[in-house]
Amino acid sequence: MNVPDDSLERAARGRGFPRVAGVDEVGRGPLAGPVTAAAVILDPAQIPEGLNDSKKLTAKARARIAVLIHEQAEVSIAHASVEEIDRLNILRASHLAMERAVAALSPPPDFVLIDGSMIPRGLALPSAAVVRGDGRSVSIAAASIVAKIARDRIMVDLAQQHPGYGWETNAGYPSKSHRLALQNLGVTPHHRRSFKPVHNILYQDKTISD
């Protein structure tokens, strides 16, 4: 199994960029909740064991490694709200969350490794886009882990306020039970109105009321 390593970080440091941040986001696909990004600068002498794409780790492994990341690295977590997702579109909102996460690191990184094929337009630092970076770069993998845990916690909290949608387990993703709850319970303020399944229900309700 391929696992991320620190070759991209070492290459950047070799080019004169000592503080290298990995950035990843989670939550593009859900029907509800914010999109969350993390930026992580790992200590080259103290890289936590077991780093990998968060989707390839068990919940228990993610939680254990996240503790190490927070203890041993510089970590910043940021969000873009449902309102921003609906106003800007999900891609721009996810980039905004990434930009906020990087901006919150102090002092700023010298170089940024971004998961994906695009560099956010508001990121005014030397940077590189890394396709499937959470499986290639240890710092992007670390960012994927802490971002997922942070967003999952938000969705568990929101599930207490809006029971019935299963957010404590589906994290707002369009599971069968979540879609059924949307039909039966309606749309909450935390649902993304620009996403088709939510938009269709709102439009359907409007048609019925007309």
N, C-alpha and C. Protein backbone atom coordinates (compact mmCIF):
# COMPACT_ATOMS: atom_id res chain seq x y z
N MET A 1 0.85 -1.21 0.00
CA MET A 1 0.00 0.00 0.00
C MET A 1 0.88 1.25 0.00
N ASN A 2 0.59 2.16 -0.91
CA ASN A 2 1.33 3.41 -0.94
C ASN A 2 0.96 4.27 0.26
N VAL A 3 1.97 4.81 0.90
CA VAL A 3 1.72 5.72 2.02
C VAL A 3 2.48 7.02 1.76
N PRO A 4 1.98 8.12 2.27
CA PRO A 4 2.65 9.40 2.05
C PRO A 4 4.03 9.44 2.71
N ASP A 5 4.92 10.22 2.12
CA ASP A 5 6.24 10.41 2.72
C ASP A 5 6.56 11.91 2.75
N ASP A 6 7.77 12.26 3.14
CA ASP A 6 8.13 13.67 3.27
C ASP A 6 9.01 14.16 2.12
N SER A 7 8.97 13.48 0.97
CA SER A 7 9.85 13.87 -0.14
C SER A 7 9.50 15.26 -0.68
N LEU A 8 8.22 15.60 -0.75
CA LEU A 8 7.83 16.92 -1.25
C LEU A 8 8.25 18.02 -0.27
N GLU A 9 8.12 17.73 1.01
CA GLU A 9 8.55 18.69 2.02
C GLU A 9 10.06 18.89 1.98
N ARG A 10 10.80 17.78 1.84
CA ARG A 10 12.26 17.88 1.79
C ARG A 10 12.71 18.64 0.55
N ALA A 11 12.03 18.41 -0.57
CA ALA A 11 12.37 19.12 -1.81
C ALA A 11 12.17 20.63 -1.64
N ALA A 12 11.08 21.02 -1.00
CA ALA A 12 10.81 22.45 -0.78
C ALA A 12 11.86 23.06 0.15
N ARG A 13 12.18 22.33 1.21
CA ARG A 13 13.21 22.84 2.13
C ARG A 13 14.56 22.97 1.42
N GLY A 14 14.83 22.02 0.52
CA GLY A 14 16.07 22.07 -0.25
C GLY A 14 16.15 23.27 -1.18
N ARG A 15 15.00 23.83 -1.53
CA ARG A 15 14.96 25.01 -2.38
C ARG A 15 14.90 26.29 -1.56
N GLY A 16 15.10 26.17 -0.27
CA GLY A 16 15.17 27.37 0.58
C GLY A 16 13.88 27.76 1.26
N PHE A 17 12.95 26.82 1.40
CA PHE A 17 11.68 27.09 2.08
C PHE A 17 11.61 26.23 3.34
N PRO A 18 12.11 26.72 4.48
CA PRO A 18 12.20 25.85 5.66
C PRO A 18 10.85 25.45 6.28
N ARG A 19 9.87 26.36 6.24
CA ARG A 19 8.57 26.06 6.88
C ARG A 19 7.56 25.69 5.80
N VAL A 20 7.29 24.40 5.69
CA VAL A 20 6.42 23.89 4.63
C VAL A 20 5.09 23.44 5.26
N ALA A 21 4.00 24.01 4.76
CA ALA A 21 2.66 23.64 5.26
C ALA A 21 1.96 22.75 4.25
N GLY A 22 1.28 21.73 4.75
CA GLY A 22 0.36 20.93 3.94
C GLY A 22 -1.06 21.37 4.22
N VAL A 23 -1.88 21.45 3.18
CA VAL A 23 -3.25 21.95 3.32
C VAL A 23 -4.22 20.98 2.65
N ASP A 24 -5.31 20.68 3.34
CA ASP A 24 -6.36 19.85 2.76
C ASP A 24 -7.70 20.31 3.30
N GLU A 25 -8.76 19.94 2.58
CA GLU A 25 -10.10 20.29 3.03
C GLU A 25 -10.96 19.04 3.09
N VAL A 26 -12.03 19.13 3.85
CA VAL A 26 -13.01 18.04 3.93
C VAL A 26 -14.40 18.66 3.94
N GLY A 27 -15.34 17.97 3.29
CA GLY A 27 -16.72 18.44 3.34
C GLY A 27 -17.22 19.09 2.07
N ARG A 28 -16.66 18.74 0.93
CA ARG A 28 -17.21 19.27 -0.32
C ARG A 28 -18.53 18.61 -0.68
N GLY A 29 -18.66 17.31 -0.37
CA GLY A 29 -19.80 16.54 -0.84
C GLY A 29 -21.06 16.57 0.01
N PRO A 30 -21.00 16.91 1.31
CA PRO A 30 -22.21 16.87 2.13
C PRO A 30 -23.30 17.83 1.67
N LEU A 31 -24.51 17.52 2.10
CA LEU A 31 -25.66 18.40 1.84
C LEU A 31 -25.83 19.44 2.94
N ALA A 32 -25.10 19.25 4.06
CA ALA A 32 -25.27 20.14 5.20
C ALA A 32 -23.92 20.39 5.86
N GLY A 33 -23.83 21.53 6.56
CA GLY A 33 -22.64 21.84 7.32
C GLY A 33 -21.59 22.59 6.53
N PRO A 34 -20.58 23.11 7.23
CA PRO A 34 -19.53 23.90 6.58
C PRO A 34 -18.55 23.01 5.81
N VAL A 35 -17.70 23.66 5.04
CA VAL A 35 -16.52 22.98 4.50
C VAL A 35 -15.35 23.40 5.38
N THR A 36 -14.49 22.45 5.72
CA THR A 36 -13.43 22.67 6.71
C THR A 36 -12.08 22.38 6.08
N ALA A 37 -11.11 23.25 6.38
CA ALA A 37 -9.74 23.05 5.88
C ALA A 37 -8.78 23.11 7.06
N ALA A 38 -7.64 22.46 6.88
CA ALA A 38 -6.57 22.52 7.87
C ALA A 38 -5.26 22.78 7.17
N ALA A 39 -4.38 23.47 7.86
CA ALA A 39 -3.00 23.68 7.41
C ALA A 39 -2.09 23.17 8.52
N VAL A 40 -1.12 22.36 8.15
CA VAL A 40 -0.24 21.74 9.15
C VAL A 40 1.22 21.89 8.72
N ILE A 41 2.05 22.39 9.65
CA ILE A 41 3.50 22.40 9.45
C ILE A 41 4.09 21.38 10.40
N LEU A 42 4.60 20.30 9.84
CA LEU A 42 5.19 19.23 10.66
C LEU A 42 6.62 19.57 11.03
N ASP A 43 7.03 19.12 12.19
CA ASP A 43 8.43 19.19 12.60
C ASP A 43 9.16 18.05 11.89
N PRO A 44 10.15 18.35 11.00
CA PRO A 44 10.82 17.28 10.26
C PRO A 44 11.46 16.22 11.16
N ALA A 45 11.79 16.62 12.38
CA ALA A 45 12.43 15.68 13.31
C ALA A 45 11.43 14.89 14.14
N GLN A 46 10.15 15.19 13.96
CA GLN A 46 9.13 14.56 14.81
C GLN A 46 7.84 14.38 14.01
N ILE A 47 7.90 13.53 12.99
CA ILE A 47 6.72 13.27 12.15
C ILE A 47 5.94 12.11 12.76
N PRO A 48 4.68 12.32 13.09
CA PRO A 48 3.89 11.25 13.73
C PRO A 48 3.83 9.98 12.87
N GLU A 49 3.85 8.86 13.53
CA GLU A 49 3.74 7.57 12.84
C GLU A 49 2.31 7.36 12.33
N GLY A 50 2.18 6.70 11.19
CA GLY A 50 0.87 6.27 10.71
C GLY A 50 0.11 7.28 9.89
N LEU A 51 0.76 8.38 9.49
CA LEU A 51 0.06 9.39 8.69
C LEU A 51 -0.38 8.80 7.35
N ASN A 52 -1.63 9.10 6.99
CA ASN A 52 -2.16 8.65 5.71
C ASN A 52 -3.40 9.47 5.40
N ASP A 53 -3.88 9.34 4.18
CA ASP A 53 -5.15 9.93 3.79
C ASP A 53 -6.19 9.55 4.85
N SER A 54 -6.89 10.55 5.38
CA SER A 54 -7.83 10.30 6.49
C SER A 54 -8.88 9.25 6.12
N LYS A 55 -9.24 9.18 4.84
CA LYS A 55 -10.28 8.24 4.41
C LYS A 55 -9.79 6.79 4.50
N LYS A 56 -8.49 6.58 4.56
CA LYS A 56 -7.94 5.23 4.63
C LYS A 56 -7.68 4.78 6.07
N LEU A 57 -7.99 5.62 7.02
CA LEU A 57 -7.75 5.30 8.43
C LEU A 57 -9.07 5.03 9.15
N THR A 58 -9.01 4.19 10.14
CA THR A 58 -10.19 3.99 10.98
C THR A 58 -10.40 5.22 11.85
N ALA A 59 -11.60 5.37 12.39
CA ALA A 59 -11.88 6.50 13.27
C ALA A 59 -10.94 6.50 14.48
N LYS A 60 -10.67 5.32 14.99
CA LYS A 60 -9.78 5.20 16.15
C LYS A 60 -8.36 5.65 15.81
N ALA A 61 -7.87 5.22 14.63
CA ALA A 61 -6.52 5.61 14.21
C ALA A 61 -6.45 7.12 13.96
N ARG A 62 -7.50 7.67 13.32
CA ARG A 62 -7.52 9.12 13.08
C ARG A 62 -7.42 9.88 14.39
N ALA A 63 -8.21 9.46 15.37
CA ALA A 63 -8.23 10.16 16.66
C ALA A 63 -6.86 10.09 17.35
N ARG A 64 -6.25 8.93 17.30
CA ARG A 64 -4.94 8.76 17.94
C ARG A 64 -3.87 9.61 17.27
N ILE A 65 -3.86 9.60 15.93
CA ILE A 65 -2.85 10.36 15.20
C ILE A 65 -3.09 11.86 15.32
N ALA A 66 -4.36 12.25 15.36
CA ALA A 66 -4.68 13.68 15.48
C ALA A 66 -4.11 14.27 16.76
N VAL A 67 -4.16 13.51 17.84
CA VAL A 67 -3.58 13.98 19.10
C VAL A 67 -2.09 14.26 18.92
N LEU A 68 -1.39 13.35 18.26
CA LEU A 68 0.05 13.53 18.02
C LEU A 68 0.31 14.75 17.13
N ILE A 69 -0.52 14.92 16.11
CA ILE A 69 -0.34 16.07 15.21
C ILE A 69 -0.46 17.37 15.99
N HIS A 70 -1.50 17.47 16.81
CA HIS A 70 -1.70 18.70 17.59
C HIS A 70 -0.57 18.91 18.60
N GLU A 71 0.00 17.83 19.11
CA GLU A 71 1.08 17.96 20.09
C GLU A 71 2.42 18.31 19.43
N GLN A 72 2.66 17.81 18.22
CA GLN A 72 4.00 17.86 17.64
C GLN A 72 4.13 18.81 16.45
N ALA A 73 3.04 19.38 15.98
CA ALA A 73 3.08 20.20 14.76
C ALA A 73 2.35 21.53 14.99
N GLU A 74 2.52 22.43 14.04
CA GLU A 74 1.73 23.66 14.02
C GLU A 74 0.47 23.38 13.21
N VAL A 75 -0.68 23.65 13.81
CA VAL A 75 -1.96 23.29 13.19
C VAL A 75 -2.90 24.49 13.17
N SER A 76 -3.55 24.68 12.05
CA SER A 76 -4.59 25.70 11.94
C SER A 76 -5.79 25.09 11.23
N ILE A 77 -6.98 25.36 11.74
CA ILE A 77 -8.22 24.83 11.16
C ILE A 77 -9.16 26.00 10.89
N ALA A 78 -9.79 25.99 9.72
CA ALA A 78 -10.70 27.08 9.35
C ALA A 78 -11.87 26.51 8.56
N HIS A 79 -12.90 27.33 8.42
CA HIS A 79 -14.14 26.87 7.79
C HIS A 79 -14.66 27.91 6.80
N ALA A 80 -15.50 27.46 5.90
CA ALA A 80 -16.37 28.34 5.13
C ALA A 80 -17.80 27.90 5.41
N SER A 81 -18.66 28.84 5.66
CA SER A 81 -20.01 28.55 6.14
C SER A 81 -20.93 28.08 5.02
N VAL A 82 -22.07 27.55 5.42
CA VAL A 82 -23.10 27.16 4.45
C VAL A 82 -23.51 28.37 3.60
N GLU A 83 -23.63 29.54 4.22
CA GLU A 83 -24.00 30.75 3.48
C GLU A 83 -22.95 31.07 2.42
N GLU A 84 -21.67 30.91 2.78
CA GLU A 84 -20.60 31.18 1.81
C GLU A 84 -20.59 30.14 0.70
N ILE A 85 -20.86 28.88 1.05
CA ILE A 85 -20.95 27.82 0.03
C ILE A 85 -22.04 28.16 -0.98
N ASP A 86 -23.20 28.56 -0.49
CA ASP A 86 -24.33 28.87 -1.38
C ASP A 86 -24.06 30.13 -2.20
N ARG A 87 -23.35 31.08 -1.62
CA ARG A 87 -23.11 32.35 -2.33
C ARG A 87 -21.99 32.23 -3.36
N LEU A 88 -20.93 31.48 -3.00
CA LEU A 88 -19.73 31.46 -3.84
C LEU A 88 -19.65 30.26 -4.77
N ASN A 89 -20.14 29.12 -4.35
CA ASN A 89 -20.06 27.77 -4.91
C ASN A 89 -19.07 26.98 -4.05
N ILE A 90 -19.19 25.66 -4.08
CA ILE A 90 -18.45 24.82 -3.15
C ILE A 90 -16.94 24.86 -3.40
N LEU A 91 -16.53 24.96 -4.67
CA LEU A 91 -15.09 24.99 -4.95
C LEU A 91 -14.46 26.25 -4.38
N ARG A 92 -15.06 27.39 -4.65
CA ARG A 92 -14.49 28.66 -4.14
C ARG A 92 -14.56 28.69 -2.60
N ALA A 93 -15.64 28.18 -2.03
CA ALA A 93 -15.76 28.16 -0.57
C ALA A 93 -14.69 27.27 0.06
N SER A 94 -14.40 26.11 -0.57
CA SER A 94 -13.36 25.23 -0.03
C SER A 94 -12.00 25.90 -0.13
N HIS A 95 -11.77 26.64 -1.22
CA HIS A 95 -10.51 27.40 -1.34
C HIS A 95 -10.43 28.51 -0.30
N LEU A 96 -11.56 29.15 -0.02
CA LEU A 96 -11.59 30.19 1.00
C LEU A 96 -11.22 29.61 2.37
N ALA A 97 -11.75 28.44 2.69
CA ALA A 97 -11.40 27.79 3.95
C ALA A 97 -9.90 27.48 4.00
N MET A 98 -9.35 27.01 2.88
CA MET A 98 -7.90 26.75 2.81
C MET A 98 -7.10 28.04 3.04
N GLU A 99 -7.51 29.11 2.37
CA GLU A 99 -6.81 30.40 2.52
C GLU A 99 -6.85 30.85 3.98
N ARG A 100 -7.98 30.69 4.63
CA ARG A 100 -8.11 31.09 6.04
C ARG A 100 -7.21 30.24 6.93
N ALA A 101 -7.14 28.95 6.64
CA ALA A 101 -6.30 28.07 7.46
C ALA A 101 -4.84 28.47 7.35
N VAL A 102 -4.38 28.75 6.14
CA VAL A 102 -2.98 29.16 5.94
C VAL A 102 -2.73 30.51 6.62
N ALA A 103 -3.66 31.44 6.47
CA ALA A 103 -3.50 32.79 7.03
C ALA A 103 -3.40 32.77 8.55
N ALA A 104 -4.00 31.75 9.17
CA ALA A 104 -4.01 31.68 10.63
C ALA A 104 -2.70 31.11 11.21
N LEU A 105 -1.84 30.57 10.37
CA LEU A 105 -0.54 30.11 10.85
C LEU A 105 0.36 31.31 11.11
N SER A 106 0.99 31.33 12.25
CA SER A 106 1.85 32.46 12.61
C SER A 106 3.13 31.96 13.28
N PRO A 107 4.30 32.30 12.70
CA PRO A 107 4.49 33.04 11.45
C PRO A 107 4.02 32.22 10.25
N PRO A 108 3.80 32.91 9.12
CA PRO A 108 3.28 32.20 7.95
C PRO A 108 4.28 31.18 7.42
N PRO A 109 3.80 30.18 6.71
CA PRO A 109 4.71 29.21 6.10
C PRO A 109 5.50 29.85 4.96
N ASP A 110 6.62 29.22 4.61
CA ASP A 110 7.41 29.68 3.47
C ASP A 110 6.92 29.07 2.17
N PHE A 111 6.31 27.89 2.27
CA PHE A 111 5.85 27.18 1.09
C PHE A 111 4.62 26.37 1.48
N VAL A 112 3.66 26.24 0.54
CA VAL A 112 2.41 25.55 0.83
C VAL A 112 2.17 24.44 -0.19
N LEU A 113 1.90 23.24 0.31
CA LEU A 113 1.50 22.11 -0.52
C LEU A 113 -0.01 21.97 -0.40
N ILE A 114 -0.71 22.14 -1.51
CA ILE A 114 -2.18 22.14 -1.53
C ILE A 114 -2.68 20.84 -2.14
N ASP A 115 -3.58 20.16 -1.44
CA ASP A 115 -4.18 18.96 -2.03
C ASP A 115 -5.10 19.35 -3.18
N GLY A 116 -4.94 18.68 -4.32
CA GLY A 116 -5.81 18.95 -5.46
C GLY A 116 -5.03 19.44 -6.66
N SER A 117 -5.76 19.91 -7.65
CA SER A 117 -5.14 20.34 -8.91
C SER A 117 -5.10 21.86 -9.06
N MET A 118 -5.64 22.59 -8.07
CA MET A 118 -5.70 24.05 -8.18
C MET A 118 -5.14 24.71 -6.92
N ILE A 119 -4.48 25.84 -7.13
CA ILE A 119 -4.01 26.65 -6.00
C ILE A 119 -5.05 27.75 -5.78
N PRO A 120 -5.57 27.89 -4.54
CA PRO A 120 -6.56 28.95 -4.28
C PRO A 120 -6.03 30.32 -4.70
N ARG A 121 -6.87 31.08 -5.37
CA ARG A 121 -6.40 32.33 -5.96
C ARG A 121 -6.00 33.38 -4.92
N GLY A 122 -6.51 33.24 -3.70
CA GLY A 122 -6.17 34.20 -2.66
C GLY A 122 -4.91 33.84 -1.87
N LEU A 123 -4.23 32.79 -2.29
CA LEU A 123 -3.04 32.33 -1.57
C LEU A 123 -1.80 32.99 -2.17
N ALA A 124 -1.28 34.00 -1.49
CA ALA A 124 -0.16 34.77 -2.03
C ALA A 124 1.17 34.30 -1.45
N LEU A 125 1.40 33.00 -1.49
CA LEU A 125 2.64 32.42 -1.00
C LEU A 125 3.15 31.42 -2.03
N PRO A 126 4.46 31.16 -2.06
CA PRO A 126 4.95 30.10 -2.93
C PRO A 126 4.22 28.79 -2.61
N SER A 127 3.71 28.12 -3.63
CA SER A 127 2.88 26.95 -3.35
C SER A 127 2.87 26.01 -4.56
N ALA A 128 2.40 24.81 -4.30
CA ALA A 128 2.26 23.80 -5.35
C ALA A 128 0.99 23.01 -5.10
N ALA A 129 0.26 22.71 -6.16
CA ALA A 129 -0.90 21.84 -6.07
C ALA A 129 -0.43 20.40 -6.25
N VAL A 130 -0.93 19.50 -5.40
CA VAL A 130 -0.50 18.10 -5.42
C VAL A 130 -1.75 17.23 -5.58
N VAL A 131 -1.94 16.67 -6.76
CA VAL A 131 -3.09 15.81 -7.00
C VAL A 131 -2.98 14.56 -6.11
N ARG A 132 -4.09 14.24 -5.43
CA ARG A 132 -4.12 13.14 -4.46
C ARG A 132 -3.01 13.31 -3.41
N GLY A 133 -2.82 14.53 -3.01
CA GLY A 133 -1.73 14.85 -2.09
C GLY A 133 -1.83 14.19 -0.74
N ASP A 134 -3.07 13.88 -0.29
CA ASP A 134 -3.20 13.26 1.02
C ASP A 134 -2.64 11.84 1.04
N GLY A 135 -2.38 11.27 -0.14
CA GLY A 135 -1.73 9.97 -0.21
C GLY A 135 -0.26 10.06 -0.58
N ARG A 136 0.24 11.30 -0.76
CA ARG A 136 1.64 11.49 -1.18
C ARG A 136 2.48 12.27 -0.19
N SER A 137 1.88 13.25 0.46
CA SER A 137 2.61 14.17 1.34
C SER A 137 2.18 13.97 2.79
N VAL A 138 3.17 13.83 3.69
CA VAL A 138 2.83 13.62 5.10
C VAL A 138 2.11 14.83 5.70
N SER A 139 2.49 16.04 5.27
CA SER A 139 1.85 17.21 5.86
C SER A 139 0.42 17.40 5.33
N ILE A 140 0.18 17.06 4.05
CA ILE A 140 -1.20 17.12 3.55
C ILE A 140 -2.03 16.03 4.23
N ALA A 141 -1.45 14.83 4.40
CA ALA A 141 -2.17 13.76 5.11
C ALA A 141 -2.55 14.20 6.52
N ALA A 142 -1.61 14.86 7.21
CA ALA A 142 -1.89 15.35 8.56
C ALA A 142 -3.04 16.36 8.54
N ALA A 143 -3.03 17.24 7.54
CA ALA A 143 -4.10 18.23 7.41
C ALA A 143 -5.44 17.54 7.15
N SER A 144 -5.43 16.48 6.35
CA SER A 144 -6.69 15.77 6.06
C SER A 144 -7.27 15.15 7.32
N ILE A 145 -6.40 14.68 8.20
CA ILE A 145 -6.85 14.02 9.43
C ILE A 145 -7.48 15.03 10.39
N VAL A 146 -6.77 16.12 10.67
CA VAL A 146 -7.30 17.08 11.65
C VAL A 146 -8.52 17.82 11.10
N ALA A 147 -8.57 18.04 9.79
CA ALA A 147 -9.75 18.69 9.20
C ALA A 147 -10.98 17.80 9.34
N LYS A 148 -10.82 16.51 9.06
CA LYS A 148 -11.96 15.59 9.15
C LYS A 148 -12.48 15.50 10.57
N ILE A 149 -11.57 15.37 11.53
CA ILE A 149 -12.01 15.25 12.92
C ILE A 149 -12.72 16.53 13.37
N ALA A 150 -12.18 17.68 12.98
CA ALA A 150 -12.80 18.95 13.37
C ALA A 150 -14.20 19.08 12.78
N ARG A 151 -14.35 18.72 11.51
CA ARG A 151 -15.66 18.85 10.88
C ARG A 151 -16.65 17.84 11.43
N ASP A 152 -16.19 16.61 11.66
CA ASP A 152 -17.08 15.59 12.23
C ASP A 152 -17.63 16.05 13.58
N ARG A 153 -16.80 16.69 14.39
CA ARG A 153 -17.25 17.18 15.70
C ARG A 153 -18.32 18.25 15.55
N ILE A 154 -18.15 19.13 14.57
CA ILE A 154 -19.17 20.15 14.31
C ILE A 154 -20.50 19.49 13.96
N MET A 155 -20.44 18.45 13.12
CA MET A 155 -21.67 17.80 12.68
C MET A 155 -22.33 17.03 13.83
N VAL A 156 -21.55 16.48 14.74
CA VAL A 156 -22.12 15.83 15.93
C VAL A 156 -22.86 16.86 16.78
N ASP A 157 -22.25 18.05 16.94
CA ASP A 157 -22.91 19.12 17.70
C ASP A 157 -24.21 19.56 17.02
N LEU A 158 -24.16 19.72 15.70
CA LEU A 158 -25.36 20.15 14.98
C LEU A 158 -26.45 19.08 15.03
N ALA A 159 -26.03 17.81 15.10
CA ALA A 159 -27.00 16.71 15.19
C ALA A 159 -27.81 16.79 16.48
N GLN A 160 -27.21 17.31 17.55
CA GLN A 160 -27.95 17.47 18.81
C GLN A 160 -29.05 18.52 18.66
N GLN A 161 -28.77 19.56 17.85
CA GLN A 161 -29.74 20.64 17.65
C GLN A 161 -30.82 20.26 16.63
N HIS A 162 -30.46 19.36 15.72
CA HIS A 162 -31.40 18.97 14.66
C HIS A 162 -31.43 17.44 14.55
N PRO A 163 -32.04 16.78 15.51
CA PRO A 163 -32.06 15.30 15.48
C PRO A 163 -32.88 14.78 14.30
N GLY A 164 -32.54 13.57 13.89
CA GLY A 164 -33.32 12.91 12.85
C GLY A 164 -32.62 12.81 11.51
N TYR A 165 -31.59 13.64 11.30
CA TYR A 165 -30.89 13.63 10.01
C TYR A 165 -29.68 12.69 10.01
N GLY A 166 -29.30 12.23 11.19
CA GLY A 166 -28.18 11.29 11.28
C GLY A 166 -26.81 11.92 11.09
N TRP A 167 -26.71 13.22 11.33
CA TRP A 167 -25.43 13.90 11.09
C TRP A 167 -24.30 13.37 11.98
N GLU A 168 -24.67 12.80 13.13
CA GLU A 168 -23.63 12.27 14.03
C GLU A 168 -22.92 11.07 13.40
N THR A 169 -23.54 10.44 12.41
CA THR A 169 -22.90 9.31 11.73
C THR A 169 -22.61 9.59 10.26
N ASN A 170 -23.49 10.35 9.57
CA ASN A 170 -23.25 10.59 8.14
C ASN A 170 -22.53 11.90 7.86
N ALA A 171 -22.29 12.72 8.90
CA ALA A 171 -21.55 13.99 8.79
C ALA A 171 -22.12 14.92 7.72
N GLY A 172 -23.42 14.76 7.43
CA GLY A 172 -24.07 15.63 6.45
C GLY A 172 -24.03 15.12 5.03
N TYR A 173 -23.32 14.01 4.80
CA TYR A 173 -23.26 13.45 3.44
C TYR A 173 -24.64 12.89 3.04
N PRO A 174 -24.89 12.76 1.74
CA PRO A 174 -26.23 12.37 1.28
C PRO A 174 -26.50 10.87 1.38
N SER A 175 -26.46 10.36 2.58
CA SER A 175 -26.83 8.96 2.80
C SER A 175 -28.32 8.79 2.55
N LYS A 176 -28.75 7.55 2.41
CA LYS A 176 -30.16 7.27 2.17
C LYS A 176 -31.03 7.81 3.30
N SER A 177 -30.58 7.61 4.54
CA SER A 177 -31.37 8.08 5.70
C SER A 177 -31.42 9.60 5.75
N HIS A 178 -30.32 10.26 5.36
CA HIS A 178 -30.30 11.72 5.34
C HIS A 178 -31.27 12.26 4.29
N ARG A 179 -31.26 11.66 3.11
CA ARG A 179 -32.17 12.10 2.06
C ARG A 179 -33.63 11.89 2.46
N LEU A 180 -33.90 10.77 3.13
CA LEU A 180 -35.26 10.48 3.60
C LEU A 180 -35.69 11.50 4.65
N ALA A 181 -34.77 11.84 5.55
CA ALA A 181 -35.07 12.84 6.59
C ALA A 181 -35.35 14.20 5.97
N LEU A 182 -34.61 14.54 4.91
CA LEU A 182 -34.88 15.81 4.21
C LEU A 182 -36.31 15.85 3.70
N GLN A 183 -36.76 14.73 3.13
CA GLN A 183 -38.13 14.66 2.62
C GLN A 183 -39.15 14.77 3.76
N ASN A 184 -38.87 14.09 4.87
CA ASN A 184 -39.85 14.00 5.95
C ASN A 184 -39.80 15.16 6.93
N LEU A 185 -38.60 15.66 7.21
CA LEU A 185 -38.42 16.70 8.24
C LEU A 185 -38.20 18.09 7.64
N GLY A 186 -37.83 18.14 6.36
CA GLY A 186 -37.62 19.43 5.73
C GLY A 186 -36.17 19.90 5.81
N VAL A 187 -35.97 21.11 5.34
CA VAL A 187 -34.63 21.70 5.21
C VAL A 187 -34.31 22.54 6.44
N THR A 188 -33.13 22.35 7.01
CA THR A 188 -32.68 23.13 8.17
C THR A 188 -31.84 24.33 7.70
N PRO A 189 -31.54 25.27 8.59
CA PRO A 189 -30.65 26.38 8.22
C PRO A 189 -29.24 25.92 7.88
N HIS A 190 -28.90 24.69 8.25
CA HIS A 190 -27.54 24.19 8.00
C HIS A 190 -27.43 23.41 6.70
N HIS A 191 -28.52 23.30 5.96
CA HIS A 191 -28.47 22.63 4.66
C HIS A 191 -28.02 23.61 3.57
N ARG A 192 -27.30 23.07 2.59
CA ARG A 192 -26.77 23.86 1.49
C ARG A 192 -27.83 23.98 0.40
N ARG A 193 -28.41 25.16 0.31
CA ARG A 193 -29.54 25.36 -0.60
C ARG A 193 -29.14 25.31 -2.07
N SER A 194 -27.86 25.49 -2.35
CA SER A 194 -27.40 25.44 -3.74
C SER A 194 -27.16 24.00 -4.22
N PHE A 195 -27.23 23.03 -3.30
CA PHE A 195 -27.04 21.63 -3.68
C PHE A 195 -28.37 21.05 -4.15
N LYS A 196 -28.32 20.32 -5.24
CA LYS A 196 -29.54 19.92 -5.95
C LYS A 196 -30.57 19.21 -5.08
N PRO A 197 -30.20 18.19 -4.27
CA PRO A 197 -31.24 17.51 -3.47
C PRO A 197 -31.97 18.45 -2.52
N VAL A 198 -31.24 19.44 -1.97
CA VAL A 198 -31.86 20.41 -1.06
C VAL A 198 -32.69 21.41 -1.86
N HIS A 199 -32.11 21.92 -2.92
CA HIS A 199 -32.80 22.89 -3.79
C HIS A 199 -34.11 22.30 -4.32
N ASN A 200 -34.07 21.04 -4.72
CA ASN A 200 -35.27 20.40 -5.29
C ASN A 200 -36.40 20.33 -4.27
N ILE A 201 -36.05 20.05 -3.01
CA ILE A 201 -37.08 19.97 -1.97
C ILE A 201 -37.67 21.36 -1.72
N LEU A 202 -36.82 22.38 -1.67
CA LEU A 202 -37.32 23.73 -1.48
C LEU A 202 -38.20 24.15 -2.64
N TYR A 203 -37.79 23.82 -3.85
CA TYR A 203 -38.54 24.19 -5.05
C TYR A 203 -39.88 23.44 -5.08
N GLN A 204 -39.82 22.17 -4.68
CA GLN A 204 -41.04 21.34 -4.63
C GLN A 204 -42.03 21.92 -3.63
N ASP A 205 -41.51 22.33 -2.45
CA ASP A 205 -42.39 22.93 -1.43
C ASP A 205 -43.03 24.21 -1.95
N LYS A 206 -42.21 25.00 -2.67
CA LYS A 206 -42.70 26.26 -3.21
C LYS A 206 -43.82 26.01 -4.23
N THR A 207 -43.60 24.97 -5.06
CA THR A 207 -44.59 24.64 -6.07
C THR A 207 -45.91 24.21 -5.43
N ILE A 208 -45.79 23.40 -4.37
CA ILE A 208 -47.00 22.92 -3.67
C ILE A 208 -47.75 24.10 -3.05
N SER A 209 -46.99 25.02 -2.42
CA SER A 209 -47.63 26.15 -1.74
C SER A 209 -48.25 27.12 -2.74
N ASP A 210 -47.65 27.18 -3.96
CA ASP A 210 -48.23 28.03 -4.98
C ASP A 210 -49.57 27.47 -5.46
